[in-house]
């Protein structure tokens, strides 16, 4: 699977959902269930790679401001939401999280999408006609697949990655880093 195919799947689901994350999940699940298991696993690996490259201090700050706080698990949900917005929004936010201030978000907690973190597992177990999830079984299957070095390099080259997230978080500086987001989401 290529990153172009990954993003086409995201875009088709997004277009059919018309912004409703519950529908987006169902549409994405439908799309992923159409894939063969090797493609599904590649989709999951690409998704995880995007989760990894999004670990920047400024995106953490954006998640913090947009969701009135942030934790590691909430940040993963925020990045999931960001991926669900499509390639243009995701890549734009990596370059400059202030671009997120231009998005129309009307309710608190709309900038999180926890379900997307599990959609590839749901599709996998759906394809196997299994009612009960076995996370170890999914991980065992996924471990049979790797994302090629070329694919990882392509993903990194496509994205502008910011500062390392292991830096000390100073929430007081977020408004300086992201003035538009801070103004829009000020509590």
Protein backbone atom coordinates (compact mmCIF):
# COMPACT_ATOMS: atom_id res chain seq x y z
CA UNK A 1 0.00 0.00 0.00
CA UNK A 2 1.21 3.48 -0.81
CA UNK A 3 0.63 6.62 1.20
CA UNK A 4 -1.49 7.88 -1.71
CA UNK A 5 -3.78 4.86 -1.30
CA UNK A 6 -3.84 5.38 2.47
CA UNK A 7 -4.99 8.98 2.02
CA UNK A 8 -7.52 8.08 -0.70
CA UNK A 9 -9.18 5.69 1.77
CA UNK A 10 -9.27 8.46 4.40
CA UNK A 11 -10.66 10.98 1.89
CA UNK A 12 -13.40 8.65 0.59
CA UNK A 13 -14.58 7.92 4.14
CA UNK A 14 -14.46 11.61 5.04
CA UNK A 15 -16.42 12.62 1.94
CA UNK A 16 -19.21 10.14 2.66
CA UNK A 17 -19.37 11.02 6.37
CA UNK A 18 -19.94 14.76 5.81
CA UNK A 19 -18.04 15.57 9.03
CA UNK A 20 -19.87 13.11 11.32
CA UNK A 21 -17.12 11.11 13.09
CA UNK A 22 -19.45 8.20 13.86
CA UNK A 23 -20.28 7.89 10.17
CA UNK A 24 -16.62 8.46 9.29
CA UNK A 25 -15.68 5.47 11.45
CA UNK A 26 -18.32 3.29 9.76
CA UNK A 27 -17.21 4.40 6.30
CA UNK A 28 -13.56 3.86 7.14
CA UNK A 29 -14.34 0.42 8.56
CA UNK A 30 -16.20 -0.43 5.36
CA UNK A 31 -13.24 0.73 3.25
CA UNK A 32 -10.75 -1.27 5.30
CA UNK A 33 -12.89 -4.41 5.24
CA UNK A 34 -12.61 -4.32 1.45
CA UNK A 35 -8.82 -4.70 1.67
CA UNK A 36 -6.95 -7.97 1.77
CA UNK A 37 -5.27 -8.61 5.12
CA UNK A 38 -1.74 -7.66 3.92
CA UNK A 39 -3.08 -4.32 2.64
CA UNK A 40 -5.03 -3.80 5.86
CA UNK A 41 -1.88 -4.38 7.90
CA UNK A 42 0.05 -1.96 5.69
CA UNK A 43 -2.70 0.64 6.21
CA UNK A 44 -2.37 0.15 9.99
CA UNK A 45 1.42 0.50 9.81
CA UNK A 46 1.18 3.69 7.77
CA UNK A 47 -1.34 5.07 10.27
CA UNK A 48 1.07 4.31 13.12
CA UNK A 49 3.91 6.00 11.24
CA UNK A 50 1.81 9.14 10.88
CA UNK A 51 1.05 8.94 14.61
CA UNK A 52 4.80 8.82 15.24
CA UNK A 53 5.79 11.75 13.04
CA UNK A 54 3.01 13.88 14.53
CA UNK A 55 4.65 13.73 17.95
CA UNK A 56 5.77 17.34 17.96
CA UNK A 57 5.68 19.88 20.72
CA UNK A 58 3.63 22.34 18.67
CA UNK A 59 1.00 19.75 17.78
CA UNK A 60 0.83 18.79 21.45
CA UNK A 61 0.27 22.48 22.19
CA UNK A 62 -2.48 22.60 19.54
CA UNK A 63 -4.17 19.54 21.06
CA UNK A 64 -3.87 21.11 24.51
CA UNK A 65 -5.45 24.38 23.38
CA UNK A 66 -8.19 22.82 21.23
CA UNK A 67 -9.23 20.23 23.81
CA UNK A 68 -8.77 22.24 27.00
CA UNK A 69 -5.87 20.05 28.09
CA UNK A 70 -3.99 17.03 26.82
CA UNK A 71 -2.70 13.65 27.98
CA UNK A 72 -0.70 11.09 26.00
CA UNK A 73 -3.84 9.07 25.20
CA UNK A 74 -5.82 12.20 24.29
CA UNK A 75 -2.95 13.28 22.04
CA UNK A 76 -3.19 9.99 20.10
CA UNK A 77 -6.94 10.63 19.71
CA UNK A 78 -6.19 14.17 18.52
CA UNK A 79 -3.71 12.89 15.93
CA UNK A 80 -6.32 10.31 14.88
CA UNK A 81 -8.80 13.15 14.38
CA UNK A 82 -6.15 15.08 12.46
CA UNK A 83 -5.54 12.11 10.12
CA UNK A 84 -9.30 11.80 9.58
CA UNK A 85 -9.36 15.42 8.34
CA UNK A 86 -7.33 14.31 5.32
CA UNK A 87 -3.87 14.73 3.91
CA UNK A 88 -4.03 18.49 3.30
CA UNK A 89 -5.15 19.34 6.84
CA UNK A 90 -2.76 16.81 8.43
CA UNK A 91 0.30 17.96 6.49
CA UNK A 92 -0.64 21.60 6.96
CA UNK A 93 -0.89 21.09 10.72
CA UNK A 94 2.51 19.39 10.79
CA UNK A 95 4.03 22.40 9.04
CA UNK A 96 2.09 24.97 11.06
CA UNK A 97 -0.48 23.98 13.70
CA UNK A 98 -1.93 27.50 13.49
CA UNK A 99 -3.68 26.36 10.28
CA UNK A 100 -6.05 24.43 12.55
CA UNK A 101 -7.53 27.73 13.74
CA UNK A 102 -9.15 28.02 10.31
CA UNK A 103 -11.13 24.79 10.74
CA UNK A 104 -14.76 24.97 11.78
CA UNK A 105 -15.06 23.11 15.09
CA UNK A 106 -18.15 24.01 17.05
CA UNK A 107 -18.12 21.82 20.15
CA UNK A 108 -15.50 20.92 22.72
CA UNK A 109 -13.98 17.47 22.22
CA UNK A 110 -14.59 17.57 18.46
CA UNK A 111 -10.84 17.51 17.84
CA UNK A 112 -10.49 13.94 19.08
CA UNK A 113 -11.30 10.68 17.30
CA UNK A 114 -10.51 7.72 19.53
CA UNK A 115 -12.31 5.16 17.37
CA UNK A 116 -9.91 5.63 14.46
CA UNK A 117 -7.15 4.24 16.66
CA UNK A 118 -8.94 0.86 16.60
CA UNK A 119 -10.51 0.80 13.15
CA UNK A 120 -7.85 -1.43 11.57
CA UNK A 121 -8.29 -3.96 14.40
CA UNK A 122 -12.06 -3.85 13.96
CA UNK A 123 -11.68 -4.46 10.23
CA UNK A 124 -9.27 -7.34 10.83
CA UNK A 125 -11.60 -9.13 13.24
CA UNK A 126 -14.59 -8.38 11.03
CA UNK A 127 -12.80 -10.02 8.11
CA UNK A 128 -12.14 -13.07 10.28
CA UNK A 129 -15.82 -13.13 11.37
CA UNK A 130 -14.74 -12.99 14.99
CA UNK A 131 -17.01 -11.37 17.57
CA UNK A 132 -14.47 -11.16 20.37
CA UNK A 133 -11.32 -9.14 19.90
CA UNK A 134 -7.98 -10.73 20.61
CA UNK A 135 -5.46 -7.85 20.66
CA UNK A 136 -2.59 -10.32 20.90
CA UNK A 137 -3.87 -12.03 17.74
CA UNK A 138 -3.93 -8.73 15.87
CA UNK A 139 -0.41 -7.84 17.06
CA UNK A 140 0.82 -11.30 16.05
CA UNK A 141 -0.66 -10.87 12.58
CA UNK A 142 0.65 -7.32 12.27
CA UNK A 143 4.15 -8.42 13.31
CA UNK A 144 4.32 -10.41 10.06
CA UNK A 145 4.37 -7.14 8.15
CA UNK A 146 6.79 -4.25 8.20
CA UNK A 147 6.74 -0.84 6.68
CA UNK A 148 9.64 -0.68 4.26
CA UNK A 149 12.47 1.74 4.83
CA UNK A 150 11.49 3.44 1.57
CA UNK A 151 7.91 3.89 2.78
CA UNK A 152 9.09 5.38 6.08
CA UNK A 153 11.47 7.71 4.24
CA UNK A 154 8.66 8.77 1.89
CA UNK A 155 6.37 9.55 4.84
CA UNK A 156 9.11 11.55 6.59
CA UNK A 157 10.03 13.42 3.40
CA UNK A 158 6.38 14.29 2.80
CA UNK A 159 5.98 15.75 6.27
CA UNK A 160 7.76 18.61 7.95
CA UNK A 161 8.45 17.34 11.45
CA UNK A 162 8.74 19.83 14.29
CA UNK A 163 10.44 19.69 17.67
CA UNK A 164 10.80 16.48 19.63
CA UNK A 165 7.90 15.87 21.99
CA UNK A 166 10.23 14.82 24.77
CA UNK A 167 11.05 18.48 25.38
CA UNK A 168 9.68 20.00 28.55
CA UNK A 169 6.10 21.17 28.07
CA UNK A 170 5.57 24.73 29.22
CA UNK A 171 1.84 25.34 28.83
CA UNK A 172 2.40 29.04 29.46
CA UNK A 173 4.30 29.33 26.18
CA UNK A 174 1.56 27.71 24.08
CA UNK A 175 -0.24 31.01 23.56
CA UNK A 176 3.03 32.53 22.28
CA UNK A 177 3.66 29.63 19.90
CA UNK A 178 0.10 29.44 18.63
CA UNK A 179 -1.61 32.81 19.08
CA UNK A 180 -4.49 32.15 16.64
CA UNK A 181 -5.38 28.83 18.25
CA UNK A 182 -4.96 30.28 21.71
CA UNK A 183 -7.32 33.13 20.92
CA UNK A 184 -9.89 30.84 19.29
CA UNK A 185 -9.91 28.24 22.07
CA UNK A 186 -9.20 30.40 25.12
CA UNK A 187 -11.15 29.05 28.09
